[in-house]
Protein backbone atom coordinates (compact mmCIF):
# COMPACT_ATOMS: atom_id res chain seq x y z
CA MET A 1 -8.31 -73.14 -3.46
CA ILE A 2 -4.54 -72.58 -3.61
CA PRO A 3 -2.49 -75.70 -4.42
CA GLU A 4 -0.36 -76.93 -1.52
CA GLU A 5 2.90 -76.62 -3.45
CA VAL A 6 2.25 -72.90 -3.86
CA ARG A 7 1.35 -72.45 -0.18
CA SER A 8 4.47 -74.12 1.20
CA ASP A 9 7.16 -72.15 2.99
CA ASP A 10 10.87 -72.93 2.81
CA ARG A 11 10.49 -75.74 5.36
CA GLY A 12 7.83 -77.47 3.30
CA LYS A 13 5.17 -76.49 5.83
CA VAL A 14 1.86 -75.41 4.33
CA THR A 15 0.66 -71.94 5.33
CA HIS A 16 -2.79 -70.93 4.18
CA GLN A 17 -2.76 -67.78 2.04
CA LEU A 18 -5.29 -66.05 4.32
CA VAL A 19 -2.93 -66.67 7.23
CA LYS A 20 0.01 -65.24 5.27
CA MET A 21 -2.02 -62.07 4.76
CA LEU A 22 -2.85 -61.90 8.48
CA TYR A 23 0.83 -62.33 9.36
CA PHE A 24 1.70 -59.48 7.00
CA ALA A 25 -1.00 -57.26 8.57
CA ARG A 26 0.46 -58.02 12.00
CA SER A 27 3.92 -57.00 10.81
CA GLU A 28 2.57 -53.74 9.36
CA PHE A 29 0.76 -52.99 12.63
CA GLU A 30 3.96 -53.71 14.54
CA ARG A 31 5.90 -51.22 12.40
CA GLY A 32 3.72 -48.51 13.93
CA LEU A 33 4.79 -49.46 17.44
CA GLY A 34 8.48 -48.89 16.82
CA GLY A 35 10.12 -46.12 18.81
CA LEU A 36 7.16 -45.41 21.08
CA THR A 37 7.71 -44.78 24.77
CA ASP A 38 5.32 -46.09 27.39
CA ASP A 39 3.87 -42.60 27.93
CA GLU A 40 3.34 -42.13 24.19
CA ALA A 41 1.67 -45.53 23.85
CA ARG A 42 -0.71 -44.56 26.67
CA PHE A 43 -1.56 -41.12 25.23
CA ARG A 44 -5.23 -40.57 24.31
CA PRO A 45 -5.69 -38.07 21.47
CA PRO A 46 -8.76 -35.83 21.66
CA LYS A 47 -11.64 -36.29 19.22
CA ALA A 48 -13.55 -33.41 17.64
CA ASP A 49 -16.47 -34.03 20.01
CA GLY A 50 -14.26 -33.53 23.07
CA SER A 51 -14.04 -37.21 23.99
CA LEU A 52 -10.78 -39.14 23.79
CA MET A 53 -9.62 -41.89 21.46
CA ASN A 54 -8.31 -45.13 22.88
CA CYS A 55 -4.60 -45.23 23.57
CA ILE A 56 -2.26 -47.46 21.58
CA THR A 57 -1.80 -49.92 24.45
CA PHE A 58 -5.55 -50.46 24.65
CA THR A 59 -5.63 -51.04 20.87
CA ILE A 60 -2.87 -53.66 21.14
CA GLY A 61 -4.90 -55.42 23.84
CA HIS A 62 -8.03 -55.13 21.72
CA LEU A 63 -6.36 -56.94 18.82
CA ALA A 64 -4.83 -59.52 21.17
CA ASP A 65 -8.30 -60.22 22.55
CA GLN A 66 -9.69 -60.69 19.05
CA GLU A 67 -6.94 -63.12 18.05
CA TRP A 68 -7.39 -65.15 21.23
CA ARG A 69 -11.19 -65.08 21.07
CA LEU A 70 -11.32 -66.23 17.44
CA PHE A 71 -8.30 -68.50 17.00
CA VAL A 72 -7.80 -70.01 20.46
CA TYR A 73 -11.19 -69.95 22.18
CA GLY A 74 -13.00 -69.97 18.82
CA THR A 75 -11.26 -73.20 17.83
CA GLY A 76 -11.97 -75.02 21.09
CA GLY A 77 -9.35 -73.61 23.46
CA PRO A 78 -9.77 -71.86 26.81
CA GLU A 79 -10.94 -68.32 27.43
CA ASN A 80 -8.37 -65.71 28.44
CA PRO A 81 -9.69 -63.46 31.23
CA LEU A 82 -6.58 -61.25 31.01
CA LEU A 83 -7.64 -60.15 27.52
CA GLN A 84 -11.39 -59.85 28.00
CA ARG A 85 -10.99 -56.32 29.41
CA PHE A 86 -10.03 -55.17 25.90
CA ALA A 87 -13.12 -56.49 24.13
CA THR A 88 -15.28 -54.05 22.19
CA GLY A 89 -17.48 -52.03 24.55
CA ARG A 90 -15.40 -52.69 27.70
CA PRO A 91 -14.44 -49.77 29.94
CA PHE A 92 -11.22 -48.02 28.99
CA THR A 93 -7.93 -49.19 30.45
CA ASP A 94 -4.37 -48.07 29.70
CA PRO A 95 -1.93 -50.87 30.49
CA LEU A 96 1.81 -50.42 30.43
CA LEU A 97 3.37 -50.97 27.02
CA SER A 98 5.59 -53.80 28.29
CA GLU A 99 2.59 -55.53 29.90
CA ILE A 100 0.41 -55.35 26.80
CA LEU A 101 3.17 -56.39 24.41
CA ALA A 102 3.68 -59.55 26.50
CA LEU A 103 -0.06 -60.28 26.39
CA TRP A 104 -0.14 -59.63 22.63
CA GLU A 105 2.80 -61.99 22.04
CA ALA A 106 1.08 -64.68 24.10
CA ALA A 107 -2.17 -64.18 22.16
CA LYS A 108 -0.40 -64.38 18.80
CA SER A 109 1.49 -67.48 19.90
CA GLY A 110 -1.74 -69.12 21.04
CA ALA A 111 -3.53 -68.16 17.82
CA ASP A 112 -0.62 -69.42 15.74
CA GLN A 113 -1.15 -72.92 17.11
CA TRP A 114 -4.29 -73.07 14.97
CA LEU A 115 -3.40 -70.55 12.24
CA SER A 116 -0.12 -72.21 11.28
CA ARG A 117 -1.82 -75.50 10.45
CA ALA A 118 -5.22 -74.30 9.19
CA SER A 119 -6.46 -75.86 5.94
CA ASP A 120 -9.24 -74.81 3.59
CA ALA A 121 -11.55 -77.23 5.43
CA ASP A 122 -10.58 -75.68 8.79
CA MET A 123 -11.33 -72.20 7.42
CA GLU A 124 -14.88 -73.30 6.54
CA GLN A 125 -15.68 -74.32 10.14
CA PRO A 126 -17.67 -71.96 12.38
CA ALA A 127 -15.82 -70.18 15.15
CA ARG A 128 -17.19 -71.02 18.58
CA ASP A 129 -19.63 -68.34 19.85
CA TRP A 130 -19.17 -66.27 16.67
CA TRP A 131 -21.41 -65.69 13.65
CA GLU A 132 -18.77 -66.29 10.94
CA ASN A 133 -16.61 -69.16 9.78
CA LEU A 134 -12.93 -69.13 10.71
CA GLY A 135 -11.76 -68.11 7.22
CA THR A 136 -13.93 -65.01 7.41
CA CYS A 137 -12.59 -64.42 10.93
CA VAL A 138 -9.03 -64.47 9.55
CA MET A 139 -10.01 -61.89 6.93
CA ARG A 140 -11.83 -59.78 9.55
CA THR A 141 -8.76 -59.83 11.80
CA THR A 142 -6.46 -58.88 8.91
CA TYR A 143 -8.62 -55.87 8.05
CA HIS A 144 -8.92 -55.02 11.74
CA TYR A 145 -5.13 -54.80 12.04
CA PHE A 146 -4.95 -52.42 9.09
CA PHE A 147 -7.77 -50.27 10.47
CA HIS A 148 -5.93 -49.80 13.76
CA ALA A 149 -2.55 -49.41 12.05
CA GLY A 150 -3.97 -46.27 10.46
CA GLU A 151 -5.14 -44.99 13.84
CA ILE A 152 -1.73 -45.61 15.35
CA ASN A 153 -0.02 -43.89 12.43
CA ALA A 154 -2.16 -40.79 13.05
CA THR A 155 -1.46 -40.87 16.80
CA ARG A 156 2.28 -41.20 16.13
CA GLN A 157 2.18 -38.08 13.97
CA ILE A 158 0.29 -36.12 16.65
CA LEU A 159 3.09 -37.12 19.03
CA GLY A 160 5.75 -35.85 16.61
CA HIS A 161 6.91 -39.16 15.15
CA PRO A 162 7.39 -39.40 11.38
CA GLU A 163 4.60 -40.88 9.31
CA ILE A 164 4.88 -44.62 8.66
CA PRO A 165 4.80 -45.11 4.86
CA PHE A 166 1.87 -47.22 3.70
CA ILE A 167 2.27 -50.21 2.86
CA GLY A 168 5.66 -51.74 3.58
CA ILE A 169 7.61 -53.94 1.22
CA LEU A 170 5.61 -56.90 -0.06
CA ASN A 171 8.40 -58.62 -1.99
CA GLY A 172 9.69 -61.54 -0.02
CA LYS A 173 6.79 -61.34 2.45
CA LEU A 174 3.60 -61.47 0.43
CA GLU A 175 3.39 -61.14 -3.32
CA PHE A 176 1.45 -62.33 -6.33
CA PRO A 177 1.69 -64.66 -8.13
CA LEU A 178 2.07 -66.94 -5.18
CA THR A 179 5.31 -68.84 -5.51
CA PRO A 180 7.34 -70.81 -3.01
CA PRO A 181 10.03 -68.66 -1.34
């Protein structure tokens, strides 16, 4: 358990360390979206077996669905039918970049209602209709962002964009030892 005085931001608000890591993963994922056109974000690279990878806009929706499902619906909030089409195993769709970015922002905002105030005790609670507790769900989502950030980095390079250096600057965002900003 991390003492509250170490988990406080500059406004004195406590942010759980797992949530800080998720926020950093989100920001790293978002770096990979910079400079993409709508057509590029909807491009589906070919796989070795002849099938196609998901496009970047689908991946954004997929992560938005996970955040909503775990941190809004999973904590007692409503379902979001607009995001359910991006769940694992759903048929492919390639929304416009502007459309999916708006849905992703709404999902992050909804998730942040719980994430921004989550305590150690909250993290130990089970997520509704999920097999893990919410703390494990935060870790899963963090790793999920990094997994897809790598995919997007590869797709960007196929499209002729420069490689995104891995990992961005931690200082001032997320560093150890944990000290107040």
